Amino acid sequence: TKLRRDLRKQGVDIQVAKKTLIDLSLKKAGITD
């Protein structure tokens, strides 16, 4: 929660998800490597 707060202050976003969902999102966003 402290890390999330520090990131939010700087306008940075954090997302926690399952690796398969992250992989799928990366591929759909065009990041393949």
PDB file of all heavy atoms in Angstrom:
ATOM      1  N   THR A   1       0.841  -1.203   0.000  1.00  0.00           N
ATOM      2  CA  THR A   1       0.000   0.000   0.000  1.00  0.00           C
ATOM      3  C   THR A   1       0.872   1.248   0.000  1.00  0.00           C
ATOM      4  O   THR A   1       0.569   2.220  -0.696  1.00  0.00           O
ATOM      5  CB  THR A   1      -0.931  -0.003   1.229  1.00  0.00           C
ATOM      6  OG1 THR A   1      -1.694  -1.202   1.210  1.00  0.00           O
ATOM      7  CG2 THR A   1      -1.860   1.195   1.226  1.00  0.00           C
ATOM      8  N   LYS A   2       1.968   1.223   0.756  1.00  0.00           N
ATOM      9  CA  LYS A   2       2.902   2.367   0.783  1.00  0.00           C
ATOM     10  C   LYS A   2       3.522   2.561  -0.602  1.00  0.00           C
ATOM     11  O   LYS A   2       3.632   3.689  -1.087  1.00  0.00           O
ATOM     12  CB  LYS A   2       3.994   2.167   1.824  1.00  0.00           C
ATOM     13  CG  LYS A   2       4.915   3.369   1.927  1.00  0.00           C
ATOM     14  CD  LYS A   2       6.036   3.111   2.898  1.00  0.00           C
ATOM     15  CE  LYS A   2       6.985   4.271   3.050  1.00  0.00           C
ATOM     16  NZ  LYS A   2       7.210   5.124   1.940  1.00  0.00           N
ATOM     17  N   LEU A   3       3.899   1.469  -1.261  1.00  0.00           N
ATOM     18  CA  LEU A   3       4.447   1.558  -2.624  1.00  0.00           C
ATOM     19  C   LEU A   3       3.411   2.150  -3.574  1.00  0.00           C
ATOM     20  O   LEU A   3       3.734   3.034  -4.368  1.00  0.00           O
ATOM     21  CB  LEU A   3       4.886   0.177  -3.112  1.00  0.00           C
ATOM     22  CG  LEU A   3       5.380   0.102  -4.561  1.00  0.00           C
ATOM     23  CD1 LEU A   3       6.610   0.962  -4.771  1.00  0.00           C
ATOM     24  CD2 LEU A   3       5.649  -1.344  -4.956  1.00  0.00           C
ATOM     25  N   ARG A   4       2.171   1.694  -3.471  1.00  0.00           N
ATOM     26  CA  ARG A   4       1.093   2.239  -4.322  1.00  0.00           C
ATOM     27  C   ARG A   4       0.947   3.745  -4.111  1.00  0.00           C
ATOM     28  O   ARG A   4       0.793   4.504  -5.067  1.00  0.00           O
ATOM     29  CB  ARG A   4      -0.241   1.566  -4.012  1.00  0.00           C
ATOM     30  CG  ARG A   4      -0.400   0.197  -4.579  1.00  0.00           C
ATOM     31  CD  ARG A   4      -1.788  -0.346  -4.234  1.00  0.00           C
ATOM     32  NE  ARG A   4      -1.915  -1.744  -4.561  1.00  0.00           N
ATOM     33  CZ  ARG A   4      -2.302  -2.211  -5.744  1.00  0.00           C
ATOM     34  NH1 ARG A   4      -2.608  -1.376  -6.700  1.00  0.00           N
ATOM     35  NH2 ARG A   4      -2.390  -3.501  -5.966  1.00  0.00           N
ATOM     36  N   ARG A   5       0.995   4.184  -2.855  1.00  0.00           N
ATOM     37  CA  ARG A   5       0.871   5.607  -2.535  1.00  0.00           C
ATOM     38  C   ARG A   5       2.035   6.407  -3.140  1.00  0.00           C
ATOM     39  O   ARG A   5       1.822   7.462  -3.738  1.00  0.00           O
ATOM     40  CB  ARG A   5       0.839   5.797  -1.008  1.00  0.00           C
ATOM     41  CG  ARG A   5      -0.303   6.662  -0.559  1.00  0.00           C
ATOM     42  CD  ARG A   5      -0.365   6.836   0.951  1.00  0.00           C
ATOM     43  NE  ARG A   5      -0.930   5.656   1.582  1.00  0.00           N
ATOM     44  CZ  ARG A   5      -0.351   4.958   2.558  1.00  0.00           C
ATOM     45  NH1 ARG A   5       0.803   5.328   3.057  1.00  0.00           N
ATOM     46  NH2 ARG A   5      -0.932   3.892   3.065  1.00  0.00           N
ATOM     47  N   ASP A   6       3.249   5.893  -2.988  1.00  0.00           N
ATOM     48  CA  ASP A   6       4.436   6.566  -3.545  1.00  0.00           C
ATOM     49  C   ASP A   6       4.329   6.686  -5.061  1.00  0.00           C
ATOM     50  O   ASP A   6       4.669   7.715  -5.647  1.00  0.00           O
ATOM     51  CB  ASP A   6       5.716   5.807  -3.185  1.00  0.00           C
ATOM     52  CG  ASP A   6       6.045   5.860  -1.699  1.00  0.00           C
ATOM     53  OD1 ASP A   6       5.413   6.666  -0.974  1.00  0.00           O
ATOM     54  OD2 ASP A   6       6.929   5.091  -1.263  1.00  0.00           O
ATOM     55  N   LEU A   7       3.851   5.618  -5.693  1.00  0.00           N
ATOM     56  CA  LEU A   7       3.705   5.624  -7.149  1.00  0.00           C
ATOM     57  C   LEU A   7       2.625   6.609  -7.587  1.00  0.00           C
ATOM     58  O   LEU A   7       2.808   7.361  -8.540  1.00  0.00           O
ATOM     59  CB  LEU A   7       3.364   4.216  -7.651  1.00  0.00           C
ATOM     60  CG  LEU A   7       4.490   3.186  -7.547  1.00  0.00           C
ATOM     61  CD1 LEU A   7       3.941   1.784  -7.724  1.00  0.00           C
ATOM     62  CD2 LEU A   7       5.590   3.462  -8.545  1.00  0.00           C
ATOM     63  N   ARG A   8       1.508   6.615  -6.884  1.00  0.00           N
ATOM     64  CA  ARG A   8       0.387   7.493  -7.240  1.00  0.00           C
ATOM     65  C   ARG A   8       0.795   8.968  -7.157  1.00  0.00           C
ATOM     66  O   ARG A   8       0.378   9.781  -7.975  1.00  0.00           O
ATOM     67  CB  ARG A   8      -0.805   7.216  -6.322  1.00  0.00           C
ATOM     68  CG  ARG A   8      -2.125   7.575  -6.967  1.00  0.00           C
ATOM     69  CD  ARG A   8      -3.329   7.146  -6.157  1.00  0.00           C
ATOM     70  NE  ARG A   8      -3.410   5.696  -6.006  1.00  0.00           N
ATOM     71  CZ  ARG A   8      -3.505   5.079  -4.811  1.00  0.00           C
ATOM     72  NH1 ARG A   8      -3.549   5.771  -3.698  1.00  0.00           N
ATOM     73  NH2 ARG A   8      -3.575   3.772  -4.746  1.00  0.00           N
ATOM     74  N   LYS A   9       1.633   9.315  -6.163  1.00  0.00           N
ATOM     75  CA  LYS A   9       2.102  10.704  -6.008  1.00  0.00           C
ATOM     76  C   LYS A   9       2.857  11.175  -7.246  1.00  0.00           C
ATOM     77  O   LYS A   9       2.842  12.348  -7.580  1.00  0.00           O
ATOM     78  CB  LYS A   9       3.020  10.831  -4.784  1.00  0.00           C
ATOM     79  CG  LYS A   9       2.300  10.802  -3.471  1.00  0.00           C
ATOM     80  CD  LYS A   9       3.301  10.898  -2.334  1.00  0.00           C
ATOM     81  CE  LYS A   9       2.662  10.612  -0.990  1.00  0.00           C
ATOM     82  NZ  LYS A   9       3.653  10.528   0.090  1.00  0.00           N
ATOM     83  N   GLN A  10       3.535  10.250  -7.916  1.00  0.00           N
ATOM     84  CA  GLN A  10       4.329  10.581  -9.102  1.00  0.00           C
ATOM     85  C   GLN A  10       3.563  10.357 -10.405  1.00  0.00           C
ATOM     86  O   GLN A  10       4.132  10.446 -11.486  1.00  0.00           O
ATOM     87  CB  GLN A  10       5.614   9.740  -9.122  1.00  0.00           C
ATOM     88  CG  GLN A  10       6.518   9.967  -7.933  1.00  0.00           C
ATOM     89  CD  GLN A  10       7.112  11.352  -7.939  1.00  0.00           C
ATOM     90  OE1 GLN A  10       7.437  11.890  -8.992  1.00  0.00           O
ATOM     91  NE2 GLN A  10       7.251  11.939  -6.769  1.00  0.00           N
ATOM     92  N   GLY A  11       2.286  10.006 -10.311  1.00  0.00           N
ATOM     93  CA  GLY A  11       1.484   9.778 -11.513  1.00  0.00           C
ATOM     94  C   GLY A  11       1.788   8.463 -12.189  1.00  0.00           C
ATOM     95  O   GLY A  11       1.619   8.321 -13.399  1.00  0.00           O
ATOM     96  N   VAL A  12       2.247   7.482 -11.401  1.00  0.00           N
ATOM     97  CA  VAL A  12       2.600   6.168 -11.932  1.00  0.00           C
ATOM     98  C   VAL A  12       1.561   5.163 -11.442  1.00  0.00           C
ATOM     99  O   VAL A  12       1.098   5.230 -10.310  1.00  0.00           O
ATOM    100  CB  VAL A  12       4.018   5.764 -11.460  1.00  0.00           C
ATOM    101  CG1 VAL A  12       4.387   4.387 -11.953  1.00  0.00           C
ATOM    102  CG2 VAL A  12       5.046   6.788 -11.938  1.00  0.00           C
ATOM    103  N   ASP A  13       1.200   4.224 -12.317  1.00  0.00           N
ATOM    104  CA  ASP A  13       0.139   3.257 -12.034  1.00  0.00           C
ATOM    105  C   ASP A  13       0.751   1.886 -11.753  1.00  0.00           C
ATOM    106  O   ASP A  13       1.777   1.528 -12.333  1.00  0.00           O
ATOM    107  CB  ASP A  13      -0.770   3.189 -13.266  1.00  0.00           C
ATOM    108  CG  ASP A  13      -2.133   2.644 -12.958  1.00  0.00           C
ATOM    109  OD1 ASP A  13      -2.437   2.430 -11.774  1.00  0.00           O
ATOM    110  OD2 ASP A  13      -2.904   2.433 -13.908  1.00  0.00           O
ATOM    111  N   ILE A  14       0.113   1.124 -10.872  1.00  0.00           N
ATOM    112  CA  ILE A  14       0.559  -0.253 -10.606  1.00  0.00           C
ATOM    113  C   ILE A  14      -0.639  -1.178 -10.756  1.00  0.00           C
ATOM    114  O   ILE A  14      -1.747  -0.849 -10.355  1.00  0.00           O
ATOM    115  CB  ILE A  14       1.202  -0.392  -9.204  1.00  0.00           C
ATOM    116  CG1 ILE A  14       1.731  -1.820  -8.978  1.00  0.00           C
ATOM    117  CG2 ILE A  14       0.240   0.024  -8.124  1.00  0.00           C
ATOM    118  CD1 ILE A  14       2.567  -1.988  -7.727  1.00  0.00           C
ATOM    119  N   GLN A  15      -0.395  -2.331 -11.361  1.00  0.00           N
ATOM    120  CA  GLN A  15      -1.456  -3.325 -11.552  1.00  0.00           C
ATOM    121  C   GLN A  15      -0.885  -4.688 -11.189  1.00  0.00           C
ATOM    122  O   GLN A  15       0.211  -5.046 -11.600  1.00  0.00           O
ATOM    123  CB  GLN A  15      -1.915  -3.328 -13.010  1.00  0.00           C
ATOM    124  CG  GLN A  15      -2.938  -4.372 -13.337  1.00  0.00           C
ATOM    125  CD  GLN A  15      -4.348  -3.826 -13.355  1.00  0.00           C
ATOM    126  OE1 GLN A  15      -4.531  -2.654 -13.604  1.00  0.00           O
ATOM    127  NE2 GLN A  15      -5.316  -4.670 -13.105  1.00  0.00           N
ATOM    128  N   VAL A  16      -1.649  -5.421 -10.400  1.00  0.00           N
ATOM    129  CA  VAL A  16      -1.282  -6.781 -10.029  1.00  0.00           C
ATOM    130  C   VAL A  16      -2.293  -7.708 -10.699  1.00  0.00           C
ATOM    131  O   VAL A  16      -3.492  -7.498 -10.594  1.00  0.00           O
ATOM    132  CB  VAL A  16      -1.320  -6.951  -8.493  1.00  0.00           C
ATOM    133  CG1 VAL A  16      -1.075  -8.390  -8.106  1.00  0.00           C
ATOM    134  CG2 VAL A  16      -0.301  -6.032  -7.836  1.00  0.00           C
ATOM    135  N   ALA A  17      -1.782  -8.712 -11.405  1.00  0.00           N
ATOM    136  CA  ALA A  17      -2.664  -9.663 -12.087  1.00  0.00           C
ATOM    137  C   ALA A  17      -1.915 -10.972 -12.289  1.00  0.00           C
ATOM    138  O   ALA A  17      -0.701 -11.052 -12.079  1.00  0.00           O
ATOM    139  CB  ALA A  17      -3.107  -9.095 -13.432  1.00  0.00           C
ATOM    140  N   LYS A  18      -2.657 -11.980 -12.716  1.00  0.00           N
ATOM    141  CA  LYS A  18      -2.040 -13.271 -13.028  1.00  0.00           C
ATOM    142  C   LYS A  18      -1.159 -13.110 -14.257  1.00  0.00           C
ATOM    143  O   LYS A  18      -1.443 -12.314 -15.145  1.00  0.00           O
ATOM    144  CB  LYS A  18      -3.114 -14.319 -13.276  1.00  0.00           C
ATOM    145  CG  LYS A  18      -3.897 -14.676 -12.034  1.00  0.00           C
ATOM    146  CD  LYS A  18      -4.903 -15.761 -12.339  1.00  0.00           C
ATOM    147  CE  LYS A  18      -5.649 -16.140 -11.081  1.00  0.00           C
ATOM    148  NZ  LYS A  18      -6.612 -17.206 -11.331  1.00  0.00           N
ATOM    149  N   LYS A  19      -0.101 -13.913 -14.299  1.00  0.00           N
ATOM    150  CA  LYS A  19       0.868 -13.808 -15.394  1.00  0.00           C
ATOM    151  C   LYS A  19       0.238 -14.078 -16.763  1.00  0.00           C
ATOM    152  O   LYS A  19       0.593 -13.425 -17.739  1.00  0.00           O
ATOM    153  CB  LYS A  19       2.033 -14.769 -15.154  1.00  0.00           C
ATOM    154  CG  LYS A  19       2.864 -14.403 -13.955  1.00  0.00           C
ATOM    155  CD  LYS A  19       3.934 -15.437 -13.729  1.00  0.00           C
ATOM    156  CE  LYS A  19       4.611 -15.192 -12.405  1.00  0.00           C
ATOM    157  NZ  LYS A  19       5.569 -16.238 -12.076  1.00  0.00           N
ATOM    158  N   THR A  20      -0.690 -15.022 -16.832  1.00  0.00           N
ATOM    159  CA  THR A  20      -1.327 -15.314 -18.124  1.00  0.00           C
ATOM    160  C   THR A  20      -2.130 -14.112 -18.613  1.00  0.00           C
ATOM    161  O   THR A  20      -2.123 -13.812 -19.810  1.00  0.00           O
ATOM    162  CB  THR A  20      -2.244 -16.549 -18.023  1.00  0.00           C
ATOM    163  OG1 THR A  20      -3.133 -16.365 -16.925  1.00  0.00           O
ATOM    164  CG2 THR A  20      -1.446 -17.818 -17.841  1.00  0.00           C
ATOM    165  N   LEU A  21      -2.783 -13.402 -17.682  1.00  0.00           N
ATOM    166  CA  LEU A  21      -3.559 -12.220 -18.069  1.00  0.00           C
ATOM    167  C   LEU A  21      -2.631 -11.087 -18.493  1.00  0.00           C
ATOM    168  O   LEU A  21      -2.921 -10.350 -19.437  1.00  0.00           O
ATOM    169  CB  LEU A  21      -4.460 -11.774 -16.917  1.00  0.00           C
ATOM    170  CG  LEU A  21      -5.501 -12.789 -16.438  1.00  0.00           C
ATOM    171  CD1 LEU A  21      -6.309 -12.226 -15.279  1.00  0.00           C
ATOM    172  CD2 LEU A  21      -6.400 -13.225 -17.567  1.00  0.00           C
ATOM    173  N   ILE A  22      -1.497 -10.956 -17.808  1.00  0.00           N
ATOM    174  CA  ILE A  22      -0.508  -9.930 -18.175  1.00  0.00           C
ATOM    175  C   ILE A  22       0.052 -10.233 -19.562  1.00  0.00           C
ATOM    176  O   ILE A  22       0.163  -9.342 -20.407  1.00  0.00           O
ATOM    177  CB  ILE A  22       0.616  -9.847 -17.118  1.00  0.00           C
ATOM    178  CG1 ILE A  22       0.057  -9.319 -15.787  1.00  0.00           C
ATOM    179  CG2 ILE A  22       1.754  -8.957 -17.606  1.00  0.00           C
ATOM    180  CD1 ILE A  22       1.017  -9.406 -14.618  1.00  0.00           C
ATOM    181  N   ASP A  23       0.394 -11.507 -19.796  1.00  0.00           N
ATOM    182  CA  ASP A  23       0.903 -11.908 -21.117  1.00  0.00           C
ATOM    183  C   ASP A  23      -0.094 -11.599 -22.226  1.00  0.00           C
ATOM    184  O   ASP A  23       0.260 -11.058 -23.275  1.00  0.00           O
ATOM    185  CB  ASP A  23       1.211 -13.409 -21.134  1.00  0.00           C
ATOM    186  CG  ASP A  23       2.681 -13.704 -21.098  1.00  0.00           C
ATOM    187  OD1 ASP A  23       3.483 -12.761 -21.241  1.00  0.00           O
ATOM    188  OD2 ASP A  23       3.046 -14.879 -20.935  1.00  0.00           O
ATOM    189  N   LEU A  24      -1.338 -11.946 -21.996  1.00  0.00           N
ATOM    190  CA  LEU A  24      -2.386 -11.699 -22.981  1.00  0.00           C
ATOM    191  C   LEU A  24      -2.530 -10.201 -23.256  1.00  0.00           C
ATOM    192  O   LEU A  24      -2.634  -9.768 -24.408  1.00  0.00           O
ATOM    193  CB  LEU A  24      -3.712 -12.285 -22.475  1.00  0.00           C
ATOM    194  CG  LEU A  24      -4.849 -12.414 -23.468  1.00  0.00           C
ATOM    195  CD1 LEU A  24      -4.449 -13.265 -24.654  1.00  0.00           C
ATOM    196  CD2 LEU A  24      -6.067 -13.011 -22.770  1.00  0.00           C
ATOM    197  N   SER A  25      -2.489  -9.390 -22.201  1.00  0.00           N
ATOM    198  CA  SER A  25      -2.599  -7.933 -22.339  1.00  0.00           C
ATOM    199  C   SER A  25      -1.410  -7.358 -23.102  1.00  0.00           C
ATOM    200  O   SER A  25      -1.576  -6.457 -23.930  1.00  0.00           O
ATOM    201  CB  SER A  25      -2.699  -7.274 -20.965  1.00  0.00           C
ATOM    202  OG  SER A  25      -3.826  -7.731 -20.279  1.00  0.00           O
ATOM    203  N   LEU A  26      -0.209  -7.852 -22.805  1.00  0.00           N
ATOM    204  CA  LEU A  26       0.994  -7.382 -23.506  1.00  0.00           C
ATOM    205  C   LEU A  26       0.877  -7.665 -25.004  1.00  0.00           C
ATOM    206  O   LEU A  26       1.169  -6.802 -25.830  1.00  0.00           O
ATOM    207  CB  LEU A  26       2.248  -8.054 -22.935  1.00  0.00           C
ATOM    208  CG  LEU A  26       2.721  -7.562 -21.578  1.00  0.00           C
ATOM    209  CD1 LEU A  26       3.740  -8.524 -20.989  1.00  0.00           C
ATOM    210  CD2 LEU A  26       3.316  -6.167 -21.686  1.00  0.00           C
ATOM    211  N   LYS A  27       0.451  -8.870 -25.338  1.00  0.00           N
ATOM    212  CA  LYS A  27       0.322  -9.230 -26.760  1.00  0.00           C
ATOM    213  C   LYS A  27      -0.744  -8.382 -27.458  1.00  0.00           C
ATOM    214  O   LYS A  27      -0.549  -7.915 -28.566  1.00  0.00           O
ATOM    215  CB  LYS A  27       0.021 -10.719 -26.893  1.00  0.00           C
ATOM    216  CG  LYS A  27       1.255 -11.570 -26.649  1.00  0.00           C
ATOM    217  CD  LYS A  27       0.963 -13.042 -26.725  1.00  0.00           C
ATOM    218  CE  LYS A  27       2.171 -13.908 -26.478  1.00  0.00           C
ATOM    219  NZ  LYS A  27       2.897 -13.664 -25.258  1.00  0.00           N
ATOM    220  N   LYS A  28      -1.867  -8.153 -26.788  1.00  0.00           N
ATOM    221  CA  LYS A  28      -2.928  -7.326 -27.369  1.00  0.00           C
ATOM    222  C   LYS A  28      -2.493  -5.868 -27.521  1.00  0.00           C
ATOM    223  O   LYS A  28      -2.968  -5.171 -28.411  1.00  0.00           O
ATOM    224  CB  LYS A  28      -4.193  -7.395 -26.506  1.00  0.00           C
ATOM    225  CG  LYS A  28      -4.969  -8.676 -26.685  1.00  0.00           C
ATOM    226  CD  LYS A  28      -6.290  -8.617 -25.949  1.00  0.00           C
ATOM    227  CE  LYS A  28      -7.100  -9.858 -26.235  1.00  0.00           C
ATOM    228  NZ  LYS A  28      -8.455  -9.752 -25.699  1.00  0.00           N
ATOM    229  N   ALA A  29      -1.577  -5.423 -26.664  1.00  0.00           N
ATOM    230  CA  ALA A  29      -1.076  -4.045 -26.738  1.00  0.00           C
ATOM    231  C   ALA A  29       0.059  -3.918 -27.762  1.00  0.00           C
ATOM    232  O   ALA A  29       0.577  -2.829 -27.983  1.00  0.00           O
ATOM    233  CB  ALA A  29      -0.599  -3.575 -25.372  1.00  0.00           C
ATOM    234  N   GLY A  30       0.474  -5.039 -28.370  1.00  0.00           N
ATOM    235  CA  GLY A  30       1.508  -4.992 -29.400  1.00  0.00           C
ATOM    236  C   GLY A  30       2.923  -5.138 -28.877  1.00  0.00           C
ATOM    237  O   GLY A  30       3.891  -4.873 -29.584  1.00  0.00           O
ATOM    238  N   ILE A  31       3.073  -5.586 -27.639  1.00  0.00           N
ATOM    239  CA  ILE A  31       4.404  -5.800 -27.050  1.00  0.00           C
ATOM    240  C   ILE A  31       4.629  -7.306 -27.028  1.00  0.00           C
ATOM    241  O   ILE A  31       4.094  -8.014 -26.177  1.00  0.00           O
ATOM    242  CB  ILE A  31       4.481  -5.201 -25.626  1.00  0.00           C
ATOM    243  CG1 ILE A  31       4.104  -3.724 -25.671  1.00  0.00           C
ATOM    244  CG2 ILE A  31       5.861  -5.395 -25.039  1.00  0.00           C
ATOM    245  CD1 ILE A  31       3.823  -3.112 -24.323  1.00  0.00           C
ATOM    246  N   THR A  32       5.430  -7.789 -27.970  1.00  0.00           N
ATOM    247  CA  THR A  32       5.519  -9.239 -28.172  1.00  0.00           C
ATOM    248  C   THR A  32       6.787  -9.880 -27.624  1.00  0.00           C
ATOM    249  O   THR A  32       6.819 -11.101 -27.469  1.00  0.00           O
ATOM    250  CB  THR A  32       5.431  -9.561 -29.673  1.00  0.00           C
ATOM    251  OG1 THR A  32       6.457  -8.837 -30.372  1.00  0.00           O
ATOM    252  CG2 THR A  32       4.077  -9.192 -30.237  1.00  0.00           C
ATOM    253  N   ASP A  33       7.826  -9.123 -27.325  1.00  0.00           N
ATOM    254  CA  ASP A  33       9.089  -9.755 -26.909  1.00  0.00           C
ATOM    255  C   ASP A  33       9.199  -9.952 -25.397  1.00  0.00           C
ATOM    256  O   ASP A  33      10.278 -10.170 -24.870  1.00  0.00           O
ATOM    257  CB  ASP A  33      10.285  -8.956 -27.439  1.00  0.00           C
ATOM    258  CG  ASP A  33      10.376  -7.567 -26.839  1.00  0.00           C
ATOM    259  OD1 ASP A  33       9.365  -7.107 -26.286  1.00  0.00           O
ATOM    260  OD2 ASP A  33      11.455  -6.966 -26.928  1.00  0.00           O
TER     261      ASP A  33
END
